[in-house]
Amino acid sequence: MSNISLIETWMAQEQEVLARLEAGPGPGVARPEQIAGLTGLQMMQAMLRGEIPYAAIAKTLDFAIIEVSEGRAVFQGTPGPAHLNPMGTIHGGWYATLLDSALGCAVHTMMPPGRAYTTAELGVNLVRAIGPKVTRVRAEGKIIHCGRQLATAEARIVGPDGTLYAHATTTCLVFEMKPPAQA
């Protein structure tokens, strides 16, 4: 597939996802009763369908979740002027947050009902600056290992031409969620 048709495909998919997300509850946090009994993958799929809120950080940093499957999550984003550091380049925190989102959601897709995770370690390597001519990048997170107590994943940020901009790994602690307190 040529770079032009790939970016057109990416943009069409992004518009379709954003329309569903915005038609739903918008950014926020799902209520316990909305996610009770769901696996992590089912939660992520419900979010993509616009049935439960999506993470507000995505709106703040101009990226969106695009796809999820078991052990995999794809985010797409556009760094812009609001994401520049004082030197005029995209702040490393933008790269890190996009990668952390893809990594965490890849782990999230592996969680059975009642299990959750938190990031214990995040390692990010920036290998190329995202310049003003780059209209979109994608971060794809993939699970490496998911056990009862630890999960590991890897992710890459690439452009539509296949250029690698950054890569990362994570180690997450997996734990039992506490049931919500009864009123």
C-alpha atoms as a PDB file:
ATOM      1  CA  MET A   1       0.000   0.000   0.000  1.00  0.00           C
ATOM      2  CA  SER A   2       1.394   3.450  -0.886  1.00  0.00           C
ATOM      3  CA  ASN A   3       2.014   6.084   1.808  1.00  0.00           C
ATOM      4  CA  ILE A   4      -0.830   8.227   0.439  1.00  0.00           C
ATOM      5  CA  SER A   5      -3.396   5.439   0.510  1.00  0.00           C
ATOM      6  CA  LEU A   6      -2.167   4.306   3.952  1.00  0.00           C
ATOM      7  CA  ILE A   7      -2.573   7.794   5.451  1.00  0.00           C
ATOM      8  CA  GLU A   8      -6.024   8.022   3.821  1.00  0.00           C
ATOM      9  CA  THR A   9      -6.913   4.671   5.413  1.00  0.00           C
ATOM     10  CA  TRP A  10      -5.600   5.860   8.789  1.00  0.00           C
ATOM     11  CA  MET A  11      -7.577   9.113   8.542  1.00  0.00           C
ATOM     12  CA  ALA A  12     -10.806   7.366   7.547  1.00  0.00           C
ATOM     13  CA  GLN A  13     -10.468   4.910  10.418  1.00  0.00           C
ATOM     14  CA  GLU A  14      -9.716   7.756  12.841  1.00  0.00           C
ATOM     15  CA  GLN A  15     -12.782   9.743  11.717  1.00  0.00           C
ATOM     16  CA  GLU A  16     -15.006   6.679  12.144  1.00  0.00           C
ATOM     17  CA  VAL A  17     -13.667   5.996  15.658  1.00  0.00           C
ATOM     18  CA  LEU A  18     -13.839   9.663  16.731  1.00  0.00           C
ATOM     19  CA  ALA A  19     -17.462   9.885  15.570  1.00  0.00           C
ATOM     20  CA  ARG A  20     -18.366   6.900  17.788  1.00  0.00           C
ATOM     21  CA  LEU A  21     -16.375   8.229  20.741  1.00  0.00           C
ATOM     22  CA  GLU A  22     -17.924  11.689  20.527  1.00  0.00           C
ATOM     23  CA  ALA A  23     -21.459  10.271  20.090  1.00  0.00           C
ATOM     24  CA  GLY A  24     -20.966   8.351  23.341  1.00  0.00           C
ATOM     25  CA  PRO A  25     -20.447   9.735  26.841  1.00  0.00           C
ATOM     26  CA  GLY A  26     -17.191  11.482  25.865  1.00  0.00           C
ATOM     27  CA  PRO A  27     -14.078  11.618  28.034  1.00  0.00           C
ATOM     28  CA  GLY A  28     -14.264  10.484  31.625  1.00  0.00           C
ATOM     29  CA  VAL A  29     -14.269   7.410  33.835  1.00  0.00           C
ATOM     30  CA  ALA A  30     -16.623   4.449  33.530  1.00  0.00           C
ATOM     31  CA  ARG A  31     -18.897   3.812  36.491  1.00  0.00           C
ATOM     32  CA  PRO A  32     -18.376   0.479  38.292  1.00  0.00           C
ATOM     33  CA  GLU A  33     -21.765  -0.829  37.149  1.00  0.00           C
ATOM     34  CA  GLN A  34     -20.841  -0.129  33.498  1.00  0.00           C
ATOM     35  CA  ILE A  35     -17.823  -2.433  33.626  1.00  0.00           C
ATOM     36  CA  ALA A  36     -18.832  -5.013  36.235  1.00  0.00           C
ATOM     37  CA  GLY A  37     -18.109  -8.537  35.021  1.00  0.00           C
ATOM     38  CA  LEU A  38     -16.350  -7.402  31.828  1.00  0.00           C
ATOM     39  CA  THR A  39     -12.918  -8.535  30.730  1.00  0.00           C
ATOM     40  CA  GLY A  40     -10.359  -5.878  29.880  1.00  0.00           C
ATOM     41  CA  LEU A  41     -10.863  -6.602  26.188  1.00  0.00           C
ATOM     42  CA  GLN A  42     -14.643  -6.224  26.533  1.00  0.00           C
ATOM     43  CA  MET A  43     -14.125  -2.864  28.314  1.00  0.00           C
ATOM     44  CA  MET A  44     -11.813  -1.616  25.579  1.00  0.00           C
ATOM     45  CA  GLN A  45     -14.253  -2.755  22.874  1.00  0.00           C
ATOM     46  CA  ALA A  46     -17.133  -1.005  24.696  1.00  0.00           C
ATOM     47  CA  MET A  47     -15.043   2.166  24.795  1.00  0.00           C
ATOM     48  CA  LEU A  48     -14.365   1.942  21.052  1.00  0.00           C
ATOM     49  CA  ARG A  49     -18.097   1.538  20.404  1.00  0.00           C
ATOM     50  CA  GLY A  50     -18.766   4.732  22.402  1.00  0.00           C
ATOM     51  CA  GLU A  51     -20.655   2.892  25.147  1.00  0.00           C
ATOM     52  CA  ILE A  52     -18.393   3.940  28.026  1.00  0.00           C
ATOM     53  CA  PRO A  53     -16.158   7.004  28.458  1.00  0.00           C
ATOM     54  CA  TYR A  54     -12.698   7.190  26.951  1.00  0.00           C
ATOM     55  CA  ALA A  55      -9.621   8.591  28.721  1.00  0.00           C
ATOM     56  CA  ALA A  56      -9.603  12.398  28.883  1.00  0.00           C
ATOM     57  CA  ILE A  57      -5.829  12.487  28.292  1.00  0.00           C
ATOM     58  CA  ALA A  58      -6.504  11.456  24.685  1.00  0.00           C
ATOM     59  CA  LYS A  59      -8.435  14.679  24.069  1.00  0.00           C
ATOM     60  CA  THR A  60      -5.783  16.760  25.859  1.00  0.00           C
ATOM     61  CA  LEU A  61      -2.914  15.331  23.798  1.00  0.00           C
ATOM     62  CA  ASP A  62      -4.793  14.886  20.484  1.00  0.00           C
ATOM     63  CA  PHE A  63      -4.654  11.127  20.088  1.00  0.00           C
ATOM     64  CA  ALA A  64      -7.248   8.371  20.015  1.00  0.00           C
ATOM     65  CA  ILE A  65      -7.525   4.662  20.499  1.00  0.00           C
ATOM     66  CA  ILE A  66      -8.107   3.153  17.058  1.00  0.00           C
ATOM     67  CA  GLU A  67      -8.093  -0.636  17.415  1.00  0.00           C
ATOM     68  CA  VAL A  68      -7.968  -3.302  20.115  1.00  0.00           C
ATOM     69  CA  SER A  69      -7.707  -7.065  20.041  1.00  0.00           C
ATOM     70  CA  GLU A  70      -6.427  -9.632  22.481  1.00  0.00           C
ATOM     71  CA  GLY A  71      -2.944  -8.515  23.510  1.00  0.00           C
ATOM     72  CA  ARG A  72      -2.856  -5.540  21.130  1.00  0.00           C
ATOM     73  CA  ALA A  73      -3.870  -1.878  21.146  1.00  0.00           C
ATOM     74  CA  VAL A  74      -3.353   0.811  18.497  1.00  0.00           C
ATOM     75  CA  PHE A  75      -3.460   4.553  19.095  1.00  0.00           C
ATOM     76  CA  GLN A  76      -3.133   7.305  16.522  1.00  0.00           C
ATOM     77  CA  GLY A  77      -2.199  10.897  17.118  1.00  0.00           C
ATOM     78  CA  THR A  78      -1.087  14.235  15.822  1.00  0.00           C
ATOM     79  CA  PRO A  79       1.464  16.183  17.822  1.00  0.00           C
ATOM     80  CA  GLY A  80       0.960  19.895  17.309  1.00  0.00           C
ATOM     81  CA  PRO A  81       2.084  23.296  18.544  1.00  0.00           C
ATOM     82  CA  ALA A  82       0.571  22.679  21.991  1.00  0.00           C
ATOM     83  CA  HIS A  83       2.961  19.724  22.402  1.00  0.00           C
ATOM     84  CA  LEU A  84       6.216  21.571  21.680  1.00  0.00           C
ATOM     85  CA  ASN A  85       9.018  21.899  24.197  1.00  0.00           C
ATOM     86  CA  PRO A  86      11.008  25.174  24.526  1.00  0.00           C
ATOM     87  CA  MET A  87      13.390  24.019  21.766  1.00  0.00           C
ATOM     88  CA  GLY A  88      10.518  23.812  19.268  1.00  0.00           C
ATOM     89  CA  THR A  89      10.364  20.030  18.990  1.00  0.00           C
ATOM     90  CA  ILE A  90       7.674  17.631  20.190  1.00  0.00           C
ATOM     91  CA  HIS A  91       8.029  17.093  23.922  1.00  0.00           C
ATOM     92  CA  GLY A  92       9.221  13.635  24.925  1.00  0.00           C
ATOM     93  CA  GLY A  93       6.239  13.400  27.269  1.00  0.00           C
ATOM     94  CA  TRP A  94       3.909  13.301  24.252  1.00  0.00           C
ATOM     95  CA  TYR A  95       5.781  10.307  22.834  1.00  0.00           C
ATOM     96  CA  ALA A  96       5.849   8.655  26.272  1.00  0.00           C
ATOM     97  CA  THR A  97       2.136   9.160  26.910  1.00  0.00           C
ATOM     98  CA  LEU A  98       1.137   7.809  23.500  1.00  0.00           C
ATOM     99  CA  LEU A  99       3.384   4.767  24.009  1.00  0.00           C
ATOM    100  CA  ASP A 100       2.223   4.252  27.616  1.00  0.00           C
ATOM    101  CA  SER A 101      -1.392   4.298  26.409  1.00  0.00           C
ATOM    102  CA  ALA A 102      -0.743   1.648  23.748  1.00  0.00           C
ATOM    103  CA  LEU A 103       1.271  -0.468  26.185  1.00  0.00           C
ATOM    104  CA  GLY A 104      -1.233  -0.217  29.018  1.00  0.00           C
ATOM    105  CA  CYS A 105      -4.220  -0.931  26.834  1.00  0.00           C
ATOM    106  CA  ALA A 106      -2.476  -3.978  25.306  1.00  0.00           C
ATOM    107  CA  VAL A 107      -2.066  -5.272  28.875  1.00  0.00           C
ATOM    108  CA  HIS A 108      -5.646  -4.229  29.718  1.00  0.00           C
ATOM    109  CA  THR A 109      -7.001  -6.448  26.925  1.00  0.00           C
ATOM    110  CA  MET A 110      -5.571  -9.462  28.759  1.00  0.00           C
ATOM    111  CA  MET A 111      -7.270  -8.800  32.102  1.00  0.00           C
ATOM    112  CA  PRO A 112     -10.030 -11.201  33.185  1.00  0.00           C
ATOM    113  CA  PRO A 113     -13.022  -9.777  35.082  1.00  0.00           C
ATOM    114  CA  GLY A 114     -11.987  -8.426  38.477  1.00  0.00           C
ATOM    115  CA  ARG A 115      -8.295  -8.033  37.593  1.00  0.00           C
ATOM    116  CA  ALA A 116      -6.481  -4.771  36.959  1.00  0.00           C
ATOM    117  CA  TYR A 117      -2.938  -3.528  36.412  1.00  0.00           C
ATOM    118  CA  THR A 118      -0.716  -0.554  37.059  1.00  0.00           C
ATOM    119  CA  THR A 119       2.497   0.483  35.349  1.00  0.00           C
ATOM    120  CA  ALA A 120       5.563  -0.397  37.418  1.00  0.00           C
ATOM    121  CA  GLU A 121       8.196   0.460  34.804  1.00  0.00           C
ATOM    122  CA  LEU A 122       8.152   2.347  31.520  1.00  0.00           C
ATOM    123  CA  GLY A 123      11.193   2.543  29.260  1.00  0.00           C
ATOM    124  CA  VAL A 124      10.999   4.897  26.282  1.00  0.00           C
ATOM    125  CA  ASN A 125      13.507   5.348  23.466  1.00  0.00           C
ATOM    126  CA  LEU A 126      13.058   8.336  21.142  1.00  0.00           C
ATOM    127  CA  VAL A 127      14.893   7.584  17.908  1.00  0.00           C
ATOM    128  CA  ARG A 128      13.704  10.344  15.573  1.00  0.00           C
ATOM    129  CA  ALA A 129      11.997  13.714  15.919  1.00  0.00           C
ATOM    130  CA  ILE A 130       8.441  13.991  14.653  1.00  0.00           C
ATOM    131  CA  GLY A 131       8.611  17.010  12.364  1.00  0.00           C
ATOM    132  CA  PRO A 132       5.872  19.359  11.161  1.00  0.00           C
ATOM    133  CA  LYS A 133       5.394  17.407   7.915  1.00  0.00           C
ATOM    134  CA  VAL A 134       4.286  14.283   9.805  1.00  0.00           C
ATOM    135  CA  THR A 135       0.491  14.478   9.875  1.00  0.00           C
ATOM    136  CA  ARG A 136      -0.196  11.317  11.905  1.00  0.00           C
ATOM    137  CA  VAL A 137       1.687   8.665  13.807  1.00  0.00           C
ATOM    138  CA  ARG A 138       0.535   5.349  15.219  1.00  0.00           C
ATOM    139  CA  ALA A 139       1.583   3.586  18.393  1.00  0.00           C
ATOM    140  CA  GLU A 140       0.975  -0.137  18.428  1.00  0.00           C
ATOM    141  CA  GLY A 141       1.316  -1.951  21.729  1.00  0.00           C
ATOM    142  CA  LYS A 142       1.673  -5.725  21.898  1.00  0.00           C
ATOM    143  CA  ILE A 143       1.723  -8.008  24.896  1.00  0.00           C
ATOM    144  CA  ILE A 144       4.913  -9.966  25.491  1.00  0.00           C
ATOM    145  CA  HIS A 145       3.857 -11.822  28.653  1.00  0.00           C
ATOM    146  CA  CYS A 146       0.829 -11.699  30.920  1.00  0.00           C
ATOM    147  CA  GLY A 147       0.928 -13.663  34.145  1.00  0.00           C
ATOM    148  CA  ARG A 148      -0.939 -13.563  37.436  1.00  0.00           C
ATOM    149  CA  GLN A 149       1.286 -10.875  38.947  1.00  0.00           C
ATOM    150  CA  LEU A 150       3.279  -9.299  36.101  1.00  0.00           C
ATOM    151  CA  ALA A 151       2.652  -8.340  32.502  1.00  0.00           C
ATOM    152  CA  THR A 152       5.124  -6.999  29.954  1.00  0.00           C
ATOM    153  CA  ALA A 153       4.477  -5.315  26.621  1.00  0.00           C
ATOM    154  CA  GLU A 154       6.293  -3.473  23.850  1.00  0.00           C
ATOM    155  CA  ALA A 155       5.198  -0.639  21.556  1.00  0.00           C
ATOM    156  CA  ARG A 156       6.444   1.406  18.625  1.00  0.00           C
ATOM    157  CA  ILE A 157       5.489   4.781  17.187  1.00  0.00           C
ATOM    158  CA  VAL A 158       5.630   4.774  13.382  1.00  0.00           C
ATOM    159  CA  GLY A 159       4.590   7.078  10.581  1.00  0.00           C
ATOM    160  CA  PRO A 160       2.529   6.029   7.562  1.00  0.00           C
ATOM    161  CA  ASP A 161       5.756   5.535   5.602  1.00  0.00           C
ATOM    162  CA  GLY A 162       7.018   3.062   8.223  1.00  0.00           C
ATOM    163  CA  THR A 163       9.487   5.482   9.817  1.00  0.00           C
ATOM    164  CA  LEU A 164      10.187   4.529  13.428  1.00  0.00           C
ATOM    165  CA  TYR A 165      10.028   7.504  15.811  1.00  0.00           C
ATOM    166  CA  ALA A 166      10.132   5.781  19.204  1.00  0.00           C
ATOM    167  CA  HIS A 167       9.784   2.447  20.925  1.00  0.00           C
ATOM    168  CA  ALA A 168       9.068   1.418  24.496  1.00  0.00           C
ATOM    169  CA  THR A 169       8.570  -1.418  26.922  1.00  0.00           C
ATOM    170  CA  THR A 170       6.586  -1.710  30.115  1.00  0.00           C
ATOM    171  CA  THR A 171       6.293  -3.948  33.128  1.00  0.00           C
ATOM    172  CA  CYS A 172       2.909  -3.836  34.836  1.00  0.00           C
ATOM    173  CA  LEU A 173       1.810  -5.200  38.189  1.00  0.00           C
ATOM    174  CA  VAL A 174      -1.379  -7.266  37.922  1.00  0.00           C
ATOM    175  CA  PHE A 175      -3.727  -7.430  40.904  1.00  0.00           C
ATOM    176  CA  GLU A 176      -7.237  -8.220  42.100  1.00  0.00           C
ATOM    177  CA  MET A 177      -9.599  -5.214  42.029  1.00  0.00           C
ATOM    178  CA  LYS A 178     -11.420  -4.426  45.231  1.00  0.00           C
ATOM    179  CA  PRO A 179     -15.199  -4.477  44.858  1.00  0.00           C
ATOM    180  CA  PRO A 180     -16.816  -1.019  45.091  1.00  0.00           C
ATOM    181  CA  ALA A 181     -17.917  -0.012  48.582  1.00  0.00           C
ATOM    182  CA  GLN A 182     -21.631  -0.483  49.224  1.00  0.00           C
ATOM    183  CA  ALA A 183     -23.554   2.705  49.996  1.00  0.00           C
END
